């Protein structure tokens, strides 16, 4: 199918077919990344603005490299060095960037809904690179892509998301994407960070680690979101690690071919110890590689590119 949306704001509003289109397109772009010459002219003459109002290293670098691989011009814009620090509104900042003929605005913002707001007031394509504790769609897509690549399917897959669910935009994007493509999702962590209300989204909720991992095909570990929490929600790192940290001993209770995933950055010794993070079951670095392919695919499709066509039967 072809892509018809102007923006990529969340996975909640995408259909299963649209998600599959991005995944199929990313597969083609991953192959491009394995060539000697890694650039393609798909966005030649286009300008991509990375508007990061919240700090980021991995996601901003990944979007920058994705735009470069597609031959776009890139402007990196941070709040610390901008008129936003002088009181300019987000709307005025974005409109000024659009007046400079920006074609894409990739935005990360601490306020949930900021990308959706910009999408309504701008002609440029808006890509959500993470908004508050709402969604992080390209992270969700790269996680789906990695699971599909490693397991060969998403339908029927048992995926456990472990950690700080309440404040995690990654968790929400994963939940929407996985369920739309037929996976079964279990959420686990402390009761303060994994409220029972998440069961209303169709997820299984447990606060017992052993229950969460025994049948899992994938364990997606989440970083503790200190910057988004109230201290009353989280007693101590030591208590979290003693109950929910993944180490080799605990992993022995899971399937031998379980995948270990993490969106980064890892708090080693908290969510996961180094032996597991660097072990054979870990695909954490492959997630980074796949993120580049997903972001290239997203920019390409938003620009009107055609998704790869399935090979004719016979």
C-alpha atoms as a PDB file:
ATOM      1  CA  UNK A   1       0.000   0.000   0.000  1.00  0.00           C
ATOM      2  CA  UNK A   2       1.078   3.610  -0.447  1.00  0.00           C
ATOM      3  CA  UNK A   3       1.399   6.008   2.472  1.00  0.00           C
ATOM      4  CA  UNK A   4      -1.103   8.866   2.597  1.00  0.00           C
ATOM      5  CA  UNK A   5      -0.503  10.519   5.981  1.00  0.00           C
ATOM      6  CA  UNK A   6       1.179  13.914   6.235  1.00  0.00           C
ATOM      7  CA  UNK A   7       2.660  13.226   9.668  1.00  0.00           C
ATOM      8  CA  UNK A   8       3.858  10.419  11.931  1.00  0.00           C
ATOM      9  CA  UNK A   9       2.550  11.283  15.376  1.00  0.00           C
ATOM     10  CA  UNK A  10       1.764   8.002  17.160  1.00  0.00           C
ATOM     11  CA  UNK A  11       1.062   4.310  16.661  1.00  0.00           C
ATOM     12  CA  UNK A  12      -2.357   4.465  18.302  1.00  0.00           C
ATOM     13  CA  UNK A  13      -3.889   6.036  15.192  1.00  0.00           C
ATOM     14  CA  UNK A  14      -2.080   3.864  12.615  1.00  0.00           C
ATOM     15  CA  UNK A  15      -3.695   0.801  11.095  1.00  0.00           C
ATOM     16  CA  UNK A  16      -1.967  -2.574  11.095  1.00  0.00           C
ATOM     17  CA  UNK A  17      -1.469  -2.157   7.342  1.00  0.00           C
ATOM     18  CA  UNK A  18       0.237   1.220   7.790  1.00  0.00           C
ATOM     19  CA  UNK A  19       2.571  -0.198  10.423  1.00  0.00           C
ATOM     20  CA  UNK A  20       3.421  -3.108   8.123  1.00  0.00           C
ATOM     21  CA  UNK A  21       4.140  -0.647   5.314  1.00  0.00           C
ATOM     22  CA  UNK A  22       6.754   1.111   7.448  1.00  0.00           C
ATOM     23  CA  UNK A  23       8.306  -2.223   8.460  1.00  0.00           C
ATOM     24  CA  UNK A  24       8.498  -3.426   4.854  1.00  0.00           C
ATOM     25  CA  UNK A  25      10.032  -0.140   3.722  1.00  0.00           C
ATOM     26  CA  UNK A  26      12.561  -0.274   6.566  1.00  0.00           C
ATOM     27  CA  UNK A  27      13.689  -3.706   5.403  1.00  0.00           C
ATOM     28  CA  UNK A  28      14.658  -2.188   2.050  1.00  0.00           C
ATOM     29  CA  UNK A  29      16.495   0.697   3.738  1.00  0.00           C
ATOM     30  CA  UNK A  30      18.373  -1.635   6.062  1.00  0.00           C
ATOM     31  CA  UNK A  31      19.806  -3.275   2.931  1.00  0.00           C
ATOM     32  CA  UNK A  32      20.915   0.191   1.735  1.00  0.00           C
ATOM     33  CA  UNK A  33      22.842   0.617   4.982  1.00  0.00           C
ATOM     34  CA  UNK A  34      24.815  -2.541   4.235  1.00  0.00           C
ATOM     35  CA  UNK A  35      26.095  -1.234   0.874  1.00  0.00           C
ATOM     36  CA  UNK A  36      29.444   0.464   0.310  1.00  0.00           C
ATOM     37  CA  UNK A  37      27.657   3.656  -0.787  1.00  0.00           C
ATOM     38  CA  UNK A  38      24.975   4.179   1.839  1.00  0.00           C
ATOM     39  CA  UNK A  39      23.277   7.309   0.474  1.00  0.00           C
ATOM     40  CA  UNK A  40      20.198   7.483  -1.753  1.00  0.00           C
ATOM     41  CA  UNK A  41      18.772  10.679  -3.318  1.00  0.00           C
ATOM     42  CA  UNK A  42      15.201  10.218  -2.034  1.00  0.00           C
ATOM     43  CA  UNK A  43      15.138  13.550  -0.110  1.00  0.00           C
ATOM     44  CA  UNK A  44      17.579  15.497  -2.249  1.00  0.00           C
ATOM     45  CA  UNK A  45      16.664  19.208  -2.028  1.00  0.00           C
ATOM     46  CA  UNK A  46      14.491  18.701   1.078  1.00  0.00           C
ATOM     47  CA  UNK A  47      15.228  20.206   4.501  1.00  0.00           C
ATOM     48  CA  UNK A  48      14.780  18.293   7.753  1.00  0.00           C
ATOM     49  CA  UNK A  49      14.751  20.242  11.042  1.00  0.00           C
ATOM     50  CA  UNK A  50      15.518  18.325  14.235  1.00  0.00           C
ATOM     51  CA  UNK A  51      13.624  20.388  16.817  1.00  0.00           C
ATOM     52  CA  UNK A  52      14.632  18.847  20.135  1.00  0.00           C
ATOM     53  CA  UNK A  53      13.129  20.812  23.010  1.00  0.00           C
ATOM     54  CA  UNK A  54      13.958  17.910  25.355  1.00  0.00           C
ATOM     55  CA  UNK A  55      17.494  16.475  25.548  1.00  0.00           C
ATOM     56  CA  UNK A  56      18.364  13.516  23.345  1.00  0.00           C
ATOM     57  CA  UNK A  57      21.475  11.895  21.938  1.00  0.00           C
ATOM     58  CA  UNK A  58      20.440   8.565  20.399  1.00  0.00           C
ATOM     59  CA  UNK A  59      17.201   9.595  18.733  1.00  0.00           C
ATOM     60  CA  UNK A  60      18.497  12.943  17.456  1.00  0.00           C
ATOM     61  CA  UNK A  61      21.643  11.335  16.029  1.00  0.00           C
ATOM     62  CA  UNK A  62      19.590   8.573  14.426  1.00  0.00           C
ATOM     63  CA  UNK A  63      17.219  11.043  12.734  1.00  0.00           C
ATOM     64  CA  UNK A  64      20.150  13.180  11.607  1.00  0.00           C
ATOM     65  CA  UNK A  65      21.923  10.213  10.035  1.00  0.00           C
ATOM     66  CA  UNK A  66      18.662   8.980   8.466  1.00  0.00           C
ATOM     67  CA  UNK A  67      18.140  12.367   6.799  1.00  0.00           C
ATOM     68  CA  UNK A  68      21.767  12.446   5.631  1.00  0.00           C
ATOM     69  CA  UNK A  69      21.479   8.958   4.135  1.00  0.00           C
ATOM     70  CA  UNK A  70      18.425  10.197   2.196  1.00  0.00           C
ATOM     71  CA  UNK A  71      20.458  13.216   0.929  1.00  0.00           C
ATOM     72  CA  UNK A  72      18.420  15.852   2.796  1.00  0.00           C
ATOM     73  CA  UNK A  73      19.727  19.134   4.228  1.00  0.00           C
ATOM     74  CA  UNK A  74      19.611  19.091   8.030  1.00  0.00           C
ATOM     75  CA  UNK A  75      19.199  21.775  10.683  1.00  0.00           C
ATOM     76  CA  UNK A  76      19.759  20.713  14.290  1.00  0.00           C
ATOM     77  CA  UNK A  77      17.854  22.943  16.675  1.00  0.00           C
ATOM     78  CA  UNK A  78      18.028  22.719  20.466  1.00  0.00           C
ATOM     79  CA  UNK A  79      15.977  24.661  22.975  1.00  0.00           C
ATOM     80  CA  UNK A  80      19.044  25.754  24.942  1.00  0.00           C
ATOM     81  CA  UNK A  81      20.355  27.761  21.978  1.00  0.00           C
ATOM     82  CA  UNK A  82      17.053  29.121  20.728  1.00  0.00           C
ATOM     83  CA  UNK A  83      14.494  31.870  21.150  1.00  0.00           C
ATOM     84  CA  UNK A  84      12.386  29.427  23.156  1.00  0.00           C
ATOM     85  CA  UNK A  85      14.659  30.338  26.068  1.00  0.00           C
ATOM     86  CA  UNK A  86      13.624  33.978  25.535  1.00  0.00           C
ATOM     87  CA  UNK A  87       9.924  33.227  25.766  1.00  0.00           C
ATOM     88  CA  UNK A  88       9.051  32.557  22.130  1.00  0.00           C
ATOM     89  CA  UNK A  89       6.177  30.100  21.759  1.00  0.00           C
ATOM     90  CA  UNK A  90       6.632  26.683  20.194  1.00  0.00           C
ATOM     91  CA  UNK A  91       4.161  27.672  17.473  1.00  0.00           C
ATOM     92  CA  UNK A  92       6.126  30.805  16.549  1.00  0.00           C
ATOM     93  CA  UNK A  93       9.418  28.922  16.584  1.00  0.00           C
ATOM     94  CA  UNK A  94       8.046  26.224  14.287  1.00  0.00           C
ATOM     95  CA  UNK A  95       6.434  28.752  11.931  1.00  0.00           C
ATOM     96  CA  UNK A  96       9.706  30.616  11.635  1.00  0.00           C
ATOM     97  CA  UNK A  97      11.430  27.369  10.740  1.00  0.00           C
ATOM     98  CA  UNK A  98       8.736  26.609   8.180  1.00  0.00           C
ATOM     99  CA  UNK A  99       9.220  30.101   6.720  1.00  0.00           C
ATOM    100  CA  UNK A 100      12.782  28.986   5.976  1.00  0.00           C
ATOM    101  CA  UNK A 101      11.230  26.295   3.763  1.00  0.00           C
ATOM    102  CA  UNK A 102      11.639  23.394   6.175  1.00  0.00           C
ATOM    103  CA  UNK A 103       9.946  20.310   4.720  1.00  0.00           C
ATOM    104  CA  UNK A 104      10.100  18.089   7.827  1.00  0.00           C
ATOM    105  CA  UNK A 105      10.099  18.971  11.509  1.00  0.00           C
ATOM    106  CA  UNK A 106      11.185  16.159  13.805  1.00  0.00           C
ATOM    107  CA  UNK A 107      10.173  17.196  17.307  1.00  0.00           C
ATOM    108  CA  UNK A 108      10.916  15.927  20.794  1.00  0.00           C
ATOM    109  CA  UNK A 109       9.098  17.757  23.557  1.00  0.00           C
ATOM    110  CA  UNK A 110       8.385  17.219  27.242  1.00  0.00           C
ATOM    111  CA  UNK A 111       4.697  18.118  26.741  1.00  0.00           C
ATOM    112  CA  UNK A 112       2.420  15.332  25.548  1.00  0.00           C
ATOM    113  CA  UNK A 113       0.595  16.392  22.392  1.00  0.00           C
ATOM    114  CA  UNK A 114       3.153  18.982  21.220  1.00  0.00           C
ATOM    115  CA  UNK A 115       3.746  17.206  17.862  1.00  0.00           C
ATOM    116  CA  UNK A 116      -0.011  16.897  17.265  1.00  0.00           C
ATOM    117  CA  UNK A 117      -0.390  20.633  17.891  1.00  0.00           C
ATOM    118  CA  UNK A 118       2.354  21.492  15.395  1.00  0.00           C
ATOM    119  CA  UNK A 119       0.897  19.115  12.805  1.00  0.00           C
ATOM    120  CA  UNK A 120      -2.326  21.139  12.877  1.00  0.00           C
ATOM    121  CA  UNK A 121      -0.643  24.522  12.324  1.00  0.00           C
ATOM    122  CA  UNK A 122       2.161  23.619   9.889  1.00  0.00           C
ATOM    123  CA  UNK A 123       2.278  22.586   6.259  1.00  0.00           C
ATOM    124  CA  UNK A 124       5.549  20.735   6.896  1.00  0.00           C
ATOM    125  CA  UNK A 125       5.581  17.036   7.735  1.00  0.00           C
ATOM    126  CA  UNK A 126       5.791  16.547  11.508  1.00  0.00           C
ATOM    127  CA  UNK A 127       7.457  13.501  13.055  1.00  0.00           C
ATOM    128  CA  UNK A 128       7.062  12.777  16.756  1.00  0.00           C
ATOM    129  CA  UNK A 129      10.450  11.882  18.265  1.00  0.00           C
ATOM    130  CA  UNK A 130       8.913  11.515  21.732  1.00  0.00           C
ATOM    131  CA  UNK A 131       6.327  13.664  23.520  1.00  0.00           C
ATOM    132  CA  UNK A 132       6.269  13.572  27.293  1.00  0.00           C
ATOM    133  CA  UNK A 133       4.997  10.227  28.579  1.00  0.00           C
ATOM    134  CA  UNK A 134       2.656   9.873  25.589  1.00  0.00           C
ATOM    135  CA  UNK A 135       4.300   8.098  22.625  1.00  0.00           C
ATOM    136  CA  UNK A 136       7.583   7.519  20.810  1.00  0.00           C
ATOM    137  CA  UNK A 137       6.384   6.013  17.520  1.00  0.00           C
ATOM    138  CA  UNK A 138       9.701   5.411  15.766  1.00  0.00           C
ATOM    139  CA  UNK A 139      11.039   3.613  18.850  1.00  0.00           C
ATOM    140  CA  UNK A 140       7.922   1.444  18.863  1.00  0.00           C
ATOM    141  CA  UNK A 141       8.390   0.711  15.157  1.00  0.00           C
ATOM    142  CA  UNK A 142      12.066  -0.186  15.504  1.00  0.00           C
ATOM    143  CA  UNK A 143      11.199  -2.512  18.384  1.00  0.00           C
ATOM    144  CA  UNK A 144       8.552  -4.227  16.236  1.00  0.00           C
ATOM    145  CA  UNK A 145      11.014  -4.450  13.340  1.00  0.00           C
ATOM    146  CA  UNK A 146      13.657  -6.064  15.566  1.00  0.00           C
ATOM    147  CA  UNK A 147      11.200  -8.620  16.969  1.00  0.00           C
ATOM    148  CA  UNK A 148       9.949  -9.479  13.483  1.00  0.00           C
ATOM    149  CA  UNK A 149      13.479  -9.840  12.156  1.00  0.00           C
ATOM    150  CA  UNK A 150      14.559 -12.110  15.001  1.00  0.00           C
ATOM    151  CA  UNK A 151      11.388 -14.139  15.555  1.00  0.00           C
ATOM    152  CA  UNK A 152       9.945 -14.149  12.016  1.00  0.00           C
ATOM    153  CA  UNK A 153       6.496 -13.116  13.210  1.00  0.00           C
ATOM    154  CA  UNK A 154       4.629 -10.794  15.515  1.00  0.00           C
ATOM    155  CA  UNK A 155       1.229 -12.503  15.584  1.00  0.00           C
ATOM    156  CA  UNK A 156       1.018 -14.715  18.659  1.00  0.00           C
ATOM    157  CA  UNK A 157       4.320 -13.513  20.088  1.00  0.00           C
ATOM    158  CA  UNK A 158       4.465 -13.211  23.889  1.00  0.00           C
ATOM    159  CA  UNK A 159       6.092  -9.876  24.736  1.00  0.00           C
ATOM    160  CA  UNK A 160       6.811  -8.734  28.293  1.00  0.00           C
ATOM    161  CA  UNK A 161       7.466  -5.041  28.868  1.00  0.00           C
ATOM    162  CA  UNK A 162       9.244  -4.679  32.186  1.00  0.00           C
ATOM    163  CA  UNK A 163       9.838  -1.578  34.264  1.00  0.00           C
ATOM    164  CA  UNK A 164       8.502   1.953  34.422  1.00  0.00           C
ATOM    165  CA  UNK A 165       5.314   1.622  32.343  1.00  0.00           C
ATOM    166  CA  UNK A 166       3.471   4.591  33.837  1.00  0.00           C
ATOM    167  CA  UNK A 167       5.933   7.238  32.634  1.00  0.00           C
ATOM    168  CA  UNK A 168       7.136   5.489  29.489  1.00  0.00           C
ATOM    169  CA  UNK A 169       6.229   6.728  26.003  1.00  0.00           C
ATOM    170  CA  UNK A 170       8.125   3.727  24.616  1.00  0.00           C
ATOM    171  CA  UNK A 171       5.783   1.352  26.447  1.00  0.00           C
ATOM    172  CA  UNK A 172       2.676   3.007  25.019  1.00  0.00           C
ATOM    173  CA  UNK A 173       3.945   2.899  21.445  1.00  0.00           C
ATOM    174  CA  UNK A 174       4.953  -0.737  21.905  1.00  0.00           C
ATOM    175  CA  UNK A 175       1.570  -1.664  23.351  1.00  0.00           C
ATOM    176  CA  UNK A 176      -0.360  -0.123  20.446  1.00  0.00           C
ATOM    177  CA  UNK A 177       1.917  -1.513  17.759  1.00  0.00           C
ATOM    178  CA  UNK A 178       2.229  -5.016  19.174  1.00  0.00           C
ATOM    179  CA  UNK A 179      -1.471  -5.460  19.744  1.00  0.00           C
ATOM    180  CA  UNK A 180      -2.401  -4.185  16.284  1.00  0.00           C
ATOM    181  CA  UNK A 181      -0.124  -6.853  14.780  1.00  0.00           C
ATOM    182  CA  UNK A 182      -1.422  -9.684  16.950  1.00  0.00           C
ATOM    183  CA  UNK A 183       1.161 -10.002  19.735  1.00  0.00           C
ATOM    184  CA  UNK A 184       0.179 -10.579  23.354  1.00  0.00           C
ATOM    185  CA  UNK A 185       1.567  -8.058  25.834  1.00  0.00           C
ATOM    186  CA  UNK A 186       2.377  -8.553  29.519  1.00  0.00           C
ATOM    187  CA  UNK A 187       3.323  -5.548  31.657  1.00  0.00           C
ATOM    188  CA  UNK A 188       5.374  -5.970  34.827  1.00  0.00           C
ATOM    189  CA  UNK A 189       6.972  -3.714  37.417  1.00  0.00           C
ATOM    190  CA  UNK A 190       6.225  -2.161  40.809  1.00  0.00           C
ATOM    191  CA  UNK A 191       2.497  -1.512  41.422  1.00  0.00           C
ATOM    192  CA  UNK A 192       3.139   2.254  41.556  1.00  0.00           C
ATOM    193  CA  UNK A 193       4.632   2.145  38.040  1.00  0.00           C
ATOM    194  CA  UNK A 194       2.380  -0.525  36.519  1.00  0.00           C
ATOM    195  CA  UNK A 195      -1.181   0.288  37.619  1.00  0.00           C
ATOM    196  CA  UNK A 196      -3.904  -2.268  36.984  1.00  0.00           C
ATOM    197  CA  UNK A 197      -5.650   0.267  34.737  1.00  0.00           C
ATOM    198  CA  UNK A 198      -3.317  -0.788  31.905  1.00  0.00           C
ATOM    199  CA  UNK A 199      -5.345  -3.998  31.683  1.00  0.00           C
ATOM    200  CA  UNK A 200      -8.032  -1.843  30.035  1.00  0.00           C
ATOM    201  CA  UNK A 201      -5.718  -1.605  26.999  1.00  0.00           C
ATOM    202  CA  UNK A 202      -5.868  -5.379  26.619  1.00  0.00           C
ATOM    203  CA  UNK A 203      -2.586  -6.120  28.391  1.00  0.00           C
ATOM    204  CA  UNK A 204      -1.905  -8.701  31.054  1.00  0.00           C
ATOM    205  CA  UNK A 205      -0.638  -6.948  34.193  1.00  0.00           C
ATOM    206  CA  UNK A 206       1.463  -8.635  36.868  1.00  0.00           C
ATOM    207  CA  UNK A 207       3.757  -7.408  39.618  1.00  0.00           C
ATOM    208  CA  UNK A 208       5.608 -10.730  39.921  1.00  0.00           C
ATOM    209  CA  UNK A 209       8.724 -10.956  37.751  1.00  0.00           C
ATOM    210  CA  UNK A 210       8.708 -14.741  37.461  1.00  0.00           C
ATOM    211  CA  UNK A 211       5.132 -14.727  36.123  1.00  0.00           C
ATOM    212  CA  UNK A 212       6.049 -12.086  33.568  1.00  0.00           C
ATOM    213  CA  UNK A 213       9.070 -13.770  32.033  1.00  0.00           C
ATOM    214  CA  UNK A 214       8.422 -17.521  32.159  1.00  0.00           C
ATOM    215  CA  UNK A 215       6.517 -17.679  28.837  1.00  0.00           C
ATOM    216  CA  UNK A 216       7.979 -14.561  27.198  1.00  0.00           C
ATOM    217  CA  UNK A 217       9.461 -14.650  23.702  1.00  0.00           C
ATOM    218  CA  UNK A 218      10.706 -11.089  24.195  1.00  0.00           C
ATOM    219  CA  UNK A 219      11.550  -9.089  27.329  1.00  0.00           C
ATOM    220  CA  UNK A 220      11.664  -5.361  26.597  1.00  0.00           C
ATOM    221  CA  UNK A 221      13.293  -3.573  29.521  1.00  0.00           C
ATOM    222  CA  UNK A 222      12.489   0.067  30.187  1.00  0.00           C
ATOM    223  CA  UNK A 223      14.718   2.709  31.705  1.00  0.00           C
ATOM    224  CA  UNK A 224      13.625   4.155  35.025  1.00  0.00           C
ATOM    225  CA  UNK A 225      12.306   7.606  34.054  1.00  0.00           C
ATOM    226  CA  UNK A 226      13.692   9.675  36.949  1.00  0.00           C
ATOM    227  CA  UNK A 227      13.044  12.946  35.135  1.00  0.00           C
ATOM    228  CA  UNK A 228       9.300  12.273  34.794  1.00  0.00           C
ATOM    229  CA  UNK A 229       8.581  10.817  38.215  1.00  0.00           C
ATOM    230  CA  UNK A 230       7.486  12.078  41.551  1.00  0.00           C
ATOM    231  CA  UNK A 231       9.704  10.665  44.272  1.00  0.00           C
ATOM    232  CA  UNK A 232       6.713   9.130  46.023  1.00  0.00           C
ATOM    233  CA  UNK A 233       6.253   6.733  43.081  1.00  0.00           C
ATOM    234  CA  UNK A 234       9.601   5.053  43.458  1.00  0.00           C
ATOM    235  CA  UNK A 235      11.196   4.048  46.791  1.00  0.00           C
ATOM    236  CA  UNK A 236      14.790   3.279  45.708  1.00  0.00           C
ATOM    237  CA  UNK A 237      16.916   1.913  42.893  1.00  0.00           C
ATOM    238  CA  UNK A 238      18.140  -0.843  45.175  1.00  0.00           C
ATOM    239  CA  UNK A 239      14.623  -2.028  45.899  1.00  0.00           C
ATOM    240  CA  UNK A 240      13.729  -1.953  42.185  1.00  0.00           C
ATOM    241  CA  UNK A 241      16.821  -3.969  41.232  1.00  0.00           C
ATOM    242  CA  UNK A 242      16.245  -6.554  43.967  1.00  0.00           C
ATOM    243  CA  UNK A 243      12.707  -7.224  42.721  1.00  0.00           C
ATOM    244  CA  UNK A 244      12.771  -6.516  38.985  1.00  0.00           C
ATOM    245  CA  UNK A 245      16.374  -6.252  37.771  1.00  0.00           C
ATOM    246  CA  UNK A 246      17.285  -8.843  35.127  1.00  0.00           C
ATOM    247  CA  UNK A 247      20.427 -10.863  35.739  1.00  0.00           C
ATOM    248  CA  UNK A 248      21.687 -14.232  34.497  1.00  0.00           C
ATOM    249  CA  UNK A 249      20.169 -16.109  37.426  1.00  0.00           C
ATOM    250  CA  UNK A 250      16.692 -14.659  36.847  1.00  0.00           C
ATOM    251  CA  UNK A 251      16.963 -15.138  33.099  1.00  0.00           C
ATOM    252  CA  UNK A 252      17.414 -18.880  33.643  1.00  0.00           C
ATOM    253  CA  UNK A 253      13.672 -19.037  34.381  1.00  0.00           C
ATOM    254  CA  UNK A 254      12.834 -17.699  30.903  1.00  0.00           C
ATOM    255  CA  UNK A 255      12.904 -19.427  27.508  1.00  0.00           C
ATOM    256  CA  UNK A 256      16.452 -20.104  26.294  1.00  0.00           C
ATOM    257  CA  UNK A 257      15.805 -18.136  23.081  1.00  0.00           C
ATOM    258  CA  UNK A 258      14.137 -15.127  24.741  1.00  0.00           C
ATOM    259  CA  UNK A 259      15.174 -11.759  23.279  1.00  0.00           C
ATOM    260  CA  UNK A 260      16.440  -9.044  25.611  1.00  0.00           C
ATOM    261  CA  UNK A 261      15.637  -5.518  24.395  1.00  0.00           C
ATOM    262  CA  UNK A 262      16.124  -2.030  25.828  1.00  0.00           C
ATOM    263  CA  UNK A 263      15.487   1.394  24.223  1.00  0.00           C
ATOM    264  CA  UNK A 264      18.545   2.912  25.920  1.00  0.00           C
ATOM    265  CA  UNK A 265      20.261   4.450  27.639  1.00  0.00           C
ATOM    266  CA  UNK A 266      20.788   1.457  29.924  1.00  0.00           C
ATOM    267  CA  UNK A 267      21.165   1.873  33.672  1.00  0.00           C
ATOM    268  CA  UNK A 268      23.581  -1.049  34.049  1.00  0.00           C
ATOM    269  CA  UNK A 269      23.091  -2.850  37.316  1.00  0.00           C
ATOM    270  CA  UNK A 270      19.581  -1.425  37.701  1.00  0.00           C
ATOM    271  CA  UNK A 271      17.239  -2.666  34.940  1.00  0.00           C
ATOM    272  CA  UNK A 272      19.757  -5.223  33.702  1.00  0.00           C
ATOM    273  CA  UNK A 273      23.260  -6.328  34.580  1.00  0.00           C
ATOM    274  CA  UNK A 274      26.108  -6.141  32.080  1.00  0.00           C
ATOM    275  CA  UNK A 275      26.354  -9.896  31.575  1.00  0.00           C
ATOM    276  CA  UNK A 276      22.792  -9.974  30.204  1.00  0.00           C
ATOM    277  CA  UNK A 277      22.959  -6.626  28.375  1.00  0.00           C
ATOM    278  CA  UNK A 278      26.042  -7.807  26.479  1.00  0.00           C
ATOM    279  CA  UNK A 279      24.993 -11.460  26.236  1.00  0.00           C
ATOM    280  CA  UNK A 280      23.875 -13.635  23.336  1.00  0.00           C
ATOM    281  CA  UNK A 281      20.159 -13.033  23.912  1.00  0.00           C
ATOM    282  CA  UNK A 282      20.568  -9.245  23.815  1.00  0.00           C
ATOM    283  CA  UNK A 283      19.615  -7.402  20.616  1.00  0.00           C
ATOM    284  CA  UNK A 284      20.075  -3.912  22.090  1.00  0.00           C
ATOM    285  CA  UNK A 285      22.685  -2.766  19.557  1.00  0.00           C
ATOM    286  CA  UNK A 286      20.649  -4.248  16.700  1.00  0.00           C
ATOM    287  CA  UNK A 287      17.764  -2.051  17.843  1.00  0.00           C
ATOM    288  CA  UNK A 288      20.023   0.963  17.244  1.00  0.00           C
ATOM    289  CA  UNK A 289      20.872  -0.228  13.723  1.00  0.00           C
ATOM    290  CA  UNK A 290      17.217  -0.925  12.980  1.00  0.00           C
ATOM    291  CA  UNK A 291      16.224   2.509  14.274  1.00  0.00           C
ATOM    292  CA  UNK A 292      18.169   4.109  11.451  1.00  0.00           C
ATOM    293  CA  UNK A 293      16.309   2.008   8.861  1.00  0.00           C
ATOM    294  CA  UNK A 294      12.930   2.792  10.452  1.00  0.00           C
ATOM    295  CA  UNK A 295      13.598   6.548  10.482  1.00  0.00           C
ATOM    296  CA  UNK A 296      14.747   6.491   6.870  1.00  0.00           C
ATOM    297  CA  UNK A 297      11.555   4.624   5.988  1.00  0.00           C
ATOM    298  CA  UNK A 298       9.356   7.096   7.871  1.00  0.00           C
ATOM    299  CA  UNK A 299      10.878  10.178   6.212  1.00  0.00           C
ATOM    300  CA  UNK A 300      10.746   8.479   2.789  1.00  0.00           C
ATOM    301  CA  UNK A 301       7.066   7.523   3.116  1.00  0.00           C
ATOM    302  CA  UNK A 302       6.012  10.931   4.456  1.00  0.00           C
ATOM    303  CA  UNK A 303       7.668  12.488   1.418  1.00  0.00           C
ATOM    304  CA  UNK A 304       5.374  10.479  -0.838  1.00  0.00           C
ATOM    305  CA  UNK A 305       7.663   7.553  -1.503  1.00  0.00           C
ATOM    306  CA  UNK A 306       6.104   4.278  -2.526  1.00  0.00           C
ATOM    307  CA  UNK A 307       6.369   1.284  -0.257  1.00  0.00           C
ATOM    308  CA  UNK A 308       8.147  -1.780  -1.678  1.00  0.00           C
ATOM    309  CA  UNK A 309       5.743  -3.822  -3.789  1.00  0.00           C
ATOM    310  CA  UNK A 310       5.326  -7.517  -2.960  1.00  0.00           C
ATOM    311  CA  UNK A 311       6.860  -9.850  -5.512  1.00  0.00           C
ATOM    312  CA  UNK A 312       4.316 -11.283  -7.984  1.00  0.00           C
ATOM    313  CA  UNK A 313       3.061 -14.781  -7.187  1.00  0.00           C
ATOM    314  CA  UNK A 314       4.648 -17.637  -9.068  1.00  0.00           C
END
